[in-house]
């Protein structure tokens, strides 16, 4: 039996970003903990293009950290979620 779950809130327009952090970061943490507790063999994490920083060469890759200090809350949640997953 395959089980699937999606943990992401894309409502970048919210005035209060708290729900974005609750779902995109805390929700991911909860999903990962549950997967580990259930001995899930595969966990697919799909991030977002917004987590990739600029590269002076003009060709950016996943190794280029986001360098946008005033990034909007949605972007910050995606960066935090990716860091959490990679940790």
PDB file of N, CA and C in Angstrom:
ATOM      1  N   UNK A   1       0.850  -1.186   0.000  1.00  0.00           N
ATOM      2  CA  UNK A   1       0.000   0.000   0.000  1.00  0.00           C
ATOM      3  C   UNK A   1       0.894   1.246   0.000  1.00  0.00           C
ATOM      4  N   UNK A   2       0.676   2.095  -0.951  1.00  0.00           N
ATOM      5  CA  UNK A   2       1.435   3.337  -1.011  1.00  0.00           C
ATOM      6  C   UNK A   2       0.684   4.436  -0.284  1.00  0.00           C
ATOM      7  N   UNK A   3       1.430   5.167   0.507  1.00  0.00           N
ATOM      8  CA  UNK A   3       0.835   6.302   1.216  1.00  0.00           C
ATOM      9  C   UNK A   3       1.478   7.566   0.700  1.00  0.00           C
ATOM     10  N   UNK A   4       0.677   8.561   0.479  1.00  0.00           N
ATOM     11  CA  UNK A   4       1.191   9.821  -0.029  1.00  0.00           C
ATOM     12  C   UNK A   4       0.647  10.965   0.809  1.00  0.00           C
ATOM     13  N   UNK A   5       1.507  11.929   1.011  1.00  0.00           N
ATOM     14  CA  UNK A   5       1.099  13.138   1.718  1.00  0.00           C
ATOM     15  C   UNK A   5       1.784  14.326   1.062  1.00  0.00           C
ATOM     16  N   UNK A   6       1.118  15.432   1.065  1.00  0.00           N
ATOM     17  CA  UNK A   6       1.686  16.661   0.526  1.00  0.00           C
ATOM     18  C   UNK A   6       1.672  17.690   1.642  1.00  0.00           C
ATOM     19  N   UNK A   7       2.822  18.330   1.842  1.00  0.00           N
ATOM     20  CA  UNK A   7       2.928  19.334   2.893  1.00  0.00           C
ATOM     21  C   UNK A   7       3.457  20.613   2.276  1.00  0.00           C
ATOM     22  N   UNK A   8       2.557  21.502   1.893  1.00  0.00           N
ATOM     23  CA  UNK A   8       2.983  22.809   1.376  1.00  0.00           C
ATOM     24  C   UNK A   8       1.789  23.758   1.368  1.00  0.00           C
ATOM     25  N   UNK A   9       2.069  24.978   1.725  1.00  0.00           N
ATOM     26  CA  UNK A   9       1.080  26.046   1.662  1.00  0.00           C
ATOM     27  C   UNK A   9       1.678  27.098   0.734  1.00  0.00           C
ATOM     28  N   UNK A  10       1.044  27.341  -0.380  1.00  0.00           N
ATOM     29  CA  UNK A  10       1.587  28.249  -1.391  1.00  0.00           C
ATOM     30  C   UNK A  10       0.962  29.643  -1.362  1.00  0.00           C
ATOM     31  N   UNK A  11       0.204  29.935  -0.318  1.00  0.00           N
ATOM     32  CA  UNK A  11      -0.508  31.223  -0.284  1.00  0.00           C
ATOM     33  C   UNK A  11       0.448  32.372   0.062  1.00  0.00           C
ATOM     34  N   UNK A  12       1.272  32.746  -0.890  1.00  0.00           N
ATOM     35  CA  UNK A  12       2.293  33.779  -0.684  1.00  0.00           C
ATOM     36  C   UNK A  12       1.694  35.149  -0.379  1.00  0.00           C
ATOM     37  N   UNK A  13       0.427  35.332  -0.621  1.00  0.00           N
ATOM     38  CA  UNK A  13      -0.216  36.629  -0.423  1.00  0.00           C
ATOM     39  C   UNK A  13      -0.701  36.866   1.011  1.00  0.00           C
ATOM     40  N   UNK A  14      -0.574  35.892   1.893  1.00  0.00           N
ATOM     41  CA  UNK A  14      -1.080  36.049   3.258  1.00  0.00           C
ATOM     42  C   UNK A  14      -0.413  37.228   3.968  1.00  0.00           C
ATOM     43  N   UNK A  15      -1.196  38.011   4.659  1.00  0.00           N
ATOM     44  CA  UNK A  15      -0.636  39.123   5.439  1.00  0.00           C
ATOM     45  C   UNK A  15       0.079  38.605   6.688  1.00  0.00           C
ATOM     46  N   UNK A  16      -0.475  37.554   7.284  1.00  0.00           N
ATOM     47  CA  UNK A  16       0.139  36.906   8.450  1.00  0.00           C
ATOM     48  C   UNK A  16       0.832  35.639   7.951  1.00  0.00           C
ATOM     49  N   UNK A  17       2.154  35.604   7.966  1.00  0.00           N
ATOM     50  CA  UNK A  17       2.855  34.451   7.414  1.00  0.00           C
ATOM     51  C   UNK A  17       2.905  33.237   8.341  1.00  0.00           C
ATOM     52  N   UNK A  18       2.353  33.333   9.536  1.00  0.00           N
ATOM     53  CA  UNK A  18       2.423  32.228  10.498  1.00  0.00           C
ATOM     54  C   UNK A  18       1.920  30.903   9.918  1.00  0.00           C
ATOM     55  N   UNK A  19       0.779  30.883   9.198  1.00  0.00           N
ATOM     56  CA  UNK A  19       0.336  29.608   8.634  1.00  0.00           C
ATOM     57  C   UNK A  19       1.343  29.006   7.651  1.00  0.00           C
ATOM     58  N   UNK A  20       2.047  29.849   6.923  1.00  0.00           N
ATOM     59  CA  UNK A  20       3.049  29.349   5.986  1.00  0.00           C
ATOM     60  C   UNK A  20       4.156  28.606   6.722  1.00  0.00           C
ATOM     61  N   UNK A  21       4.634  29.178   7.824  1.00  0.00           N
ATOM     62  CA  UNK A  21       5.692  28.540   8.609  1.00  0.00           C
ATOM     63  C   UNK A  21       5.177  27.270   9.285  1.00  0.00           C
ATOM     64  N   UNK A  22       3.907  27.309   9.780  1.00  0.00           N
ATOM     65  CA  UNK A  22       3.329  26.132  10.432  1.00  0.00           C
ATOM     66  C   UNK A  22       3.248  24.949   9.468  1.00  0.00           C
ATOM     67  N   UNK A  23       2.808  25.204   8.250  1.00  0.00           N
ATOM     68  CA  UNK A  23       2.640  24.118   7.289  1.00  0.00           C
ATOM     69  C   UNK A  23       3.964  23.761   6.626  1.00  0.00           C
ATOM     70  N   UNK A  24       4.642  24.758   6.061  1.00  0.00           N
ATOM     71  CA  UNK A  24       5.807  24.489   5.220  1.00  0.00           C
ATOM     72  C   UNK A  24       7.040  24.028   5.989  1.00  0.00           C
ATOM     73  N   UNK A  25       7.179  24.438   7.230  1.00  0.00           N
ATOM     74  CA  UNK A  25       8.346  24.029   8.014  1.00  0.00           C
ATOM     75  C   UNK A  25       7.930  23.020   9.086  1.00  0.00           C
ATOM     76  N   UNK A  26       7.029  23.416   9.972  1.00  0.00           N
ATOM     77  CA  UNK A  26       6.610  22.513  11.047  1.00  0.00           C
ATOM     78  C   UNK A  26       5.880  21.289  10.494  1.00  0.00           C
ATOM     79  N   UNK A  27       5.057  21.489   9.476  1.00  0.00           N
ATOM     80  CA  UNK A  27       4.341  20.361   8.871  1.00  0.00           C
ATOM     81  C   UNK A  27       5.290  19.369   8.228  1.00  0.00           C
ATOM     82  N   UNK A  28       6.325  19.887   7.565  1.00  0.00           N
ATOM     83  CA  UNK A  28       7.325  18.993   6.983  1.00  0.00           C
ATOM     84  C   UNK A  28       8.032  18.204   8.076  1.00  0.00           C
ATOM     85  N   UNK A  29       8.399  18.882   9.161  1.00  0.00           N
ATOM     86  CA  UNK A  29       9.059  18.194  10.285  1.00  0.00           C
ATOM     87  C   UNK A  29       8.166  17.071  10.806  1.00  0.00           C
ATOM     88  N   UNK A  30       6.880  17.347  10.983  1.00  0.00           N
ATOM     89  CA  UNK A  30       5.944  16.331  11.465  1.00  0.00           C
ATOM     90  C   UNK A  30       5.837  15.165  10.482  1.00  0.00           C
ATOM     91  N   UNK A  31       5.787  15.468   9.193  1.00  0.00           N
ATOM     92  CA  UNK A  31       5.675  14.414   8.181  1.00  0.00           C
ATOM     93  C   UNK A  31       6.936  13.556   8.158  1.00  0.00           C
ATOM     94  N   UNK A  32       8.092  14.188   8.277  1.00  0.00           N
ATOM     95  CA  UNK A  32       9.345  13.419   8.299  1.00  0.00           C
ATOM     96  C   UNK A  32       9.416  12.535   9.540  1.00  0.00           C
ATOM     97  N   UNK A  33       9.034  13.078  10.692  1.00  0.00           N
ATOM     98  CA  UNK A  33       9.039  12.293  11.922  1.00  0.00           C
ATOM     99  C   UNK A  33       8.099  11.095  11.808  1.00  0.00           C
ATOM    100  N   UNK A  34       6.921  11.319  11.241  1.00  0.00           N
ATOM    101  CA  UNK A  34       5.955  10.228  11.077  1.00  0.00           C
ATOM    102  C   UNK A  34       6.490   9.175  10.116  1.00  0.00           C
ATOM    103  N   UNK A  35       7.138   9.612   9.046  1.00  0.00           N
ATOM    104  CA  UNK A  35       7.696   8.671   8.081  1.00  0.00           C
ATOM    105  C   UNK A  35       8.799   7.834   8.718  1.00  0.00           C
ATOM    106  N   UNK A  36       9.650   8.469   9.485  1.00  0.00           N
ATOM    107  CA  UNK A  36      10.708   7.725  10.177  1.00  0.00           C
ATOM    108  C   UNK A  36      10.118   6.743  11.176  1.00  0.00           C
ATOM    109  N   UNK A  37       9.100   7.186  11.902  1.00  0.00           N
ATOM    110  CA  UNK A  37       8.454   6.318  12.887  1.00  0.00           C
ATOM    111  C   UNK A  37       7.748   5.136  12.262  1.00  0.00           C
ATOM    112  N   UNK A  38       7.307   5.286  11.028  1.00  0.00           N
ATOM    113  CA  UNK A  38       6.605   4.207  10.330  1.00  0.00           C
ATOM    114  C   UNK A  38       7.544   3.406   9.427  1.00  0.00           C
ATOM    115  N   UNK A  39       8.833   3.672   9.542  1.00  0.00           N
ATOM    116  CA  UNK A  39       9.846   2.974   8.727  1.00  0.00           C
ATOM    117  C   UNK A  39       9.577   3.090   7.229  1.00  0.00           C
ATOM    118  N   UNK A  40       9.136   4.256   6.811  1.00  0.00           N
ATOM    119  CA  UNK A  40       8.906   4.513   5.388  1.00  0.00           C
ATOM    120  C   UNK A  40      10.245   4.423   4.666  1.00  0.00           C
ATOM    121  N   UNK A  41      10.274   3.722   3.566  1.00  0.00           N
ATOM    122  CA  UNK A  41      11.526   3.497   2.845  1.00  0.00           C
ATOM    123  C   UNK A  41      11.873   4.636   1.881  1.00  0.00           C
ATOM    124  N   UNK A  42      10.881   5.369   1.433  1.00  0.00           N
ATOM    125  CA  UNK A  42      11.139   6.440   0.481  1.00  0.00           C
ATOM    126  C   UNK A  42      10.337   7.682   0.879  1.00  0.00           C
ATOM    127  N   UNK A  43      11.013   8.806   0.902  1.00  0.00           N
ATOM    128  CA  UNK A  43      10.382  10.087   1.234  1.00  0.00           C
ATOM    129  C   UNK A  43      10.841  11.060   0.160  1.00  0.00           C
ATOM    130  N   UNK A  44       9.931  11.549  -0.630  1.00  0.00           N
ATOM    131  CA  UNK A  44      10.275  12.456  -1.720  1.00  0.00           C
ATOM    132  C   UNK A  44      10.001  13.886  -1.274  1.00  0.00           C
ATOM    133  N   UNK A  45      11.032  14.697  -1.317  1.00  0.00           N
ATOM    134  CA  UNK A  45      10.893  16.114  -0.980  1.00  0.00           C
ATOM    135  C   UNK A  45      11.121  16.912  -2.249  1.00  0.00           C
ATOM    136  N   UNK A  46      10.159  17.718  -2.614  1.00  0.00           N
ATOM    137  CA  UNK A  46      10.282  18.582  -3.779  1.00  0.00           C
ATOM    138  C   UNK A  46      10.332  20.006  -3.280  1.00  0.00           C
ATOM    139  N   UNK A  47      11.418  20.664  -3.565  1.00  0.00           N
ATOM    140  CA  UNK A  47      11.583  22.029  -3.086  1.00  0.00           C
ATOM    141  C   UNK A  47      11.027  23.010  -4.107  1.00  0.00           C
ATOM    142  N   UNK A  48      11.680  24.128  -4.238  1.00  0.00           N
ATOM    143  CA  UNK A  48      11.188  25.183  -5.112  1.00  0.00           C
ATOM    144  C   UNK A  48      12.363  25.921  -5.733  1.00  0.00           C
ATOM    145  N   UNK A  49      12.155  26.404  -6.910  1.00  0.00           N
ATOM    146  CA  UNK A  49      13.170  27.197  -7.597  1.00  0.00           C
ATOM    147  C   UNK A  49      13.591  28.413  -6.768  1.00  0.00           C
ATOM    148  N   UNK A  50      12.697  28.904  -5.934  1.00  0.00           N
ATOM    149  CA  UNK A  50      13.006  30.112  -5.155  1.00  0.00           C
ATOM    150  C   UNK A  50      14.102  29.900  -4.125  1.00  0.00           C
ATOM    151  N   UNK A  51      14.498  28.648  -3.875  1.00  0.00           N
ATOM    152  CA  UNK A  51      15.549  28.397  -2.884  1.00  0.00           C
ATOM    153  C   UNK A  51      16.949  28.501  -3.477  1.00  0.00           C
ATOM    154  N   UNK A  52      17.032  28.640  -4.783  1.00  0.00           N
ATOM    155  CA  UNK A  52      18.338  28.711  -5.442  1.00  0.00           C
ATOM    156  C   UNK A  52      18.777  30.163  -5.565  1.00  0.00           C
ATOM    157  N   UNK A  53      20.014  30.430  -5.143  1.00  0.00           N
ATOM    158  CA  UNK A  53      20.566  31.778  -5.218  1.00  0.00           C
ATOM    159  C   UNK A  53      21.149  32.074  -6.583  1.00  0.00           C
ATOM    160  N   UNK A  54      21.599  33.287  -6.741  1.00  0.00           N
ATOM    161  CA  UNK A  54      22.223  33.685  -7.993  1.00  0.00           C
ATOM    162  C   UNK A  54      23.680  33.259  -8.000  1.00  0.00           C
ATOM    163  N   UNK A  55      24.192  33.032  -9.182  1.00  0.00           N
ATOM    164  CA  UNK A  55      25.590  32.666  -9.357  1.00  0.00           C
ATOM    165  C   UNK A  55      26.210  33.689 -10.307  1.00  0.00           C
ATOM    166  N   UNK A  56      27.343  34.283  -9.928  1.00  0.00           N
ATOM    167  CA  UNK A  56      27.972  35.287 -10.791  1.00  0.00           C
ATOM    168  C   UNK A  56      28.262  34.792 -12.206  1.00  0.00           C
ATOM    169  N   UNK A  57      28.438  33.475 -12.366  1.00  0.00           N
ATOM    170  CA  UNK A  57      28.718  32.932 -13.698  1.00  0.00           C
ATOM    171  C   UNK A  57      27.481  32.965 -14.584  1.00  0.00           C
ATOM    172  N   UNK A  58      26.310  33.152 -13.960  1.00  0.00           N
ATOM    173  CA  UNK A  58      25.064  33.171 -14.720  1.00  0.00           C
ATOM    174  C   UNK A  58      24.357  31.838 -14.738  1.00  0.00           C
ATOM    175  N   UNK A  59      25.025  30.783 -14.291  1.00  0.00           N
ATOM    176  CA  UNK A  59      24.431  29.454 -14.244  1.00  0.00           C
ATOM    177  C   UNK A  59      24.315  29.033 -12.787  1.00  0.00           C
ATOM    178  N   UNK A  60      23.113  29.063 -12.269  1.00  0.00           N
ATOM    179  CA  UNK A  60      22.886  28.708 -10.865  1.00  0.00           C
ATOM    180  C   UNK A  60      22.483  27.244 -10.765  1.00  0.00           C
ATOM    181  N   UNK A  61      22.894  26.626  -9.651  1.00  0.00           N
ATOM    182  CA  UNK A  61      22.513  25.241  -9.378  1.00  0.00           C
ATOM    183  C   UNK A  61      22.005  25.170  -7.939  1.00  0.00           C
ATOM    184  N   UNK A  62      21.609  23.969  -7.538  1.00  0.00           N
ATOM    185  CA  UNK A  62      21.125  23.761  -6.177  1.00  0.00           C
ATOM    186  C   UNK A  62      22.194  24.063  -5.129  1.00  0.00           C
ATOM    187  N   UNK A  63      23.452  24.082  -5.544  1.00  0.00           N
ATOM    188  CA  UNK A  63      24.540  24.381  -4.603  1.00  0.00           C
ATOM    189  C   UNK A  63      24.659  25.869  -4.292  1.00  0.00           C
ATOM    190  N   UNK A  64      23.969  26.707  -5.037  1.00  0.00           N
ATOM    191  CA  UNK A  64      24.026  28.149  -4.826  1.00  0.00           C
ATOM    192  C   UNK A  64      22.937  28.555  -3.836  1.00  0.00           C
ATOM    193  N   UNK A  65      23.375  28.918  -2.633  1.00  0.00           N
ATOM    194  CA  UNK A  65      22.430  29.273  -1.574  1.00  0.00           C
ATOM    195  C   UNK A  65      21.705  30.578  -1.904  1.00  0.00           C
ATOM    196  N   UNK A  66      20.468  30.647  -1.465  1.00  0.00           N
ATOM    197  CA  UNK A  66      19.686  31.859  -1.662  1.00  0.00           C
ATOM    198  C   UNK A  66      20.362  33.024  -0.952  1.00  0.00           C
ATOM    199  N   UNK A  67      20.536  34.114  -1.654  1.00  0.00           N
ATOM    200  CA  UNK A  67      21.196  35.288  -1.094  1.00  0.00           C
ATOM    201  C   UNK A  67      20.281  36.511  -1.189  1.00  0.00           C
ATOM    202  N   UNK A  68      19.045  36.346  -0.776  1.00  0.00           N
ATOM    203  CA  UNK A  68      18.024  37.379  -0.857  1.00  0.00           C
ATOM    204  C   UNK A  68      17.595  37.703   0.574  1.00  0.00           C
ATOM    205  N   UNK A  69      18.288  38.656   1.234  1.00  0.00           N
ATOM    206  CA  UNK A  69      18.031  38.923   2.656  1.00  0.00           C
ATOM    207  C   UNK A  69      16.598  39.359   2.964  1.00  0.00           C
ATOM    208  N   UNK A  70      15.947  40.020   2.034  1.00  0.00           N
ATOM    209  CA  UNK A  70      14.579  40.493   2.270  1.00  0.00           C
ATOM    210  C   UNK A  70      13.549  39.621   1.553  1.00  0.00           C
ATOM    211  N   UNK A  71      13.855  38.345   1.435  1.00  0.00           N
ATOM    212  CA  UNK A  71      12.937  37.431   0.754  1.00  0.00           C
ATOM    213  C   UNK A  71      11.589  37.427   1.463  1.00  0.00           C
ATOM    214  N   UNK A  72      10.511  37.339   0.709  1.00  0.00           N
ATOM    215  CA  UNK A  72       9.181  37.292   1.324  1.00  0.00           C
ATOM    216  C   UNK A  72       9.007  36.011   2.150  1.00  0.00           C
ATOM    217  N   UNK A  73       8.042  36.011   3.050  1.00  0.00           N
ATOM    218  CA  UNK A  73       7.846  34.874   3.956  1.00  0.00           C
ATOM    219  C   UNK A  73       7.724  33.525   3.244  1.00  0.00           C
ATOM    220  N   UNK A  74       6.969  33.457   2.142  1.00  0.00           N
ATOM    221  CA  UNK A  74       6.821  32.178   1.449  1.00  0.00           C
ATOM    222  C   UNK A  74       8.193  31.627   1.048  1.00  0.00           C
ATOM    223  N   UNK A  75       9.036  32.477   0.496  1.00  0.00           N
ATOM    224  CA  UNK A  75      10.366  32.054   0.068  1.00  0.00           C
ATOM    225  C   UNK A  75      11.174  31.586   1.274  1.00  0.00           C
ATOM    226  N   UNK A  76      11.102  32.322   2.374  1.00  0.00           N
ATOM    227  CA  UNK A  76      11.846  31.928   3.577  1.00  0.00           C
ATOM    228  C   UNK A  76      11.383  30.567   4.092  1.00  0.00           C
ATOM    229  N   UNK A  77      10.073  30.291   3.997  1.00  0.00           N
ATOM    230  CA  UNK A  77       9.592  28.983   4.459  1.00  0.00           C
ATOM    231  C   UNK A  77      10.125  27.865   3.580  1.00  0.00           C
ATOM    232  N   UNK A  78      10.214  28.090   2.298  1.00  0.00           N
ATOM    233  CA  UNK A  78      10.723  27.057   1.395  1.00  0.00           C
ATOM    234  C   UNK A  78      12.211  26.814   1.640  1.00  0.00           C
ATOM    235  N   UNK A  79      12.957  27.890   1.902  1.00  0.00           N
ATOM    236  CA  UNK A  79      14.387  27.765   2.199  1.00  0.00           C
ATOM    237  C   UNK A  79      14.557  26.987   3.517  1.00  0.00           C
ATOM    238  N   UNK A  80      13.781  27.346   4.542  1.00  0.00           N
ATOM    239  CA  UNK A  80      13.874  26.641   5.825  1.00  0.00           C
ATOM    240  C   UNK A  80      13.484  25.179   5.703  1.00  0.00           C
ATOM    241  N   UNK A  81      12.434  24.906   4.936  1.00  0.00           N
ATOM    242  CA  UNK A  81      11.982  23.518   4.760  1.00  0.00           C
ATOM    243  C   UNK A  81      13.052  22.698   4.050  1.00  0.00           C
ATOM    244  N   UNK A  82      13.657  23.267   3.025  1.00  0.00           N
ATOM    245  CA  UNK A  82      14.712  22.542   2.315  1.00  0.00           C
ATOM    246  C   UNK A  82      15.899  22.269   3.225  1.00  0.00           C
ATOM    247  N   UNK A  83      16.288  23.264   3.996  1.00  0.00           N
ATOM    248  CA  UNK A  83      17.405  23.084   4.932  1.00  0.00           C
ATOM    249  C   UNK A  83      17.078  22.002   5.954  1.00  0.00           C
ATOM    250  N   UNK A  84      15.851  22.002   6.450  1.00  0.00           N
ATOM    251  CA  UNK A  84      15.413  20.990   7.417  1.00  0.00           C
ATOM    252  C   UNK A  84      15.506  19.603   6.799  1.00  0.00           C
ATOM    253  N   UNK A  85      15.013  19.459   5.600  1.00  0.00           N
ATOM    254  CA  UNK A  85      15.033  18.156   4.941  1.00  0.00           C
ATOM    255  C   UNK A  85      16.468  17.689   4.708  1.00  0.00           C
ATOM    256  N   UNK A  86      17.319  18.572   4.242  1.00  0.00           N
ATOM    257  CA  UNK A  86      18.702  18.182   3.945  1.00  0.00           C
ATOM    258  C   UNK A  86      19.501  17.884   5.215  1.00  0.00           C
ATOM    259  N   UNK A  87      19.062  18.449   6.317  1.00  0.00           N
ATOM    260  CA  UNK A  87      19.721  18.219   7.601  1.00  0.00           C
ATOM    261  C   UNK A  87      19.495  16.790   8.021  1.00  0.00           C
TER     262      UNK A  87
END
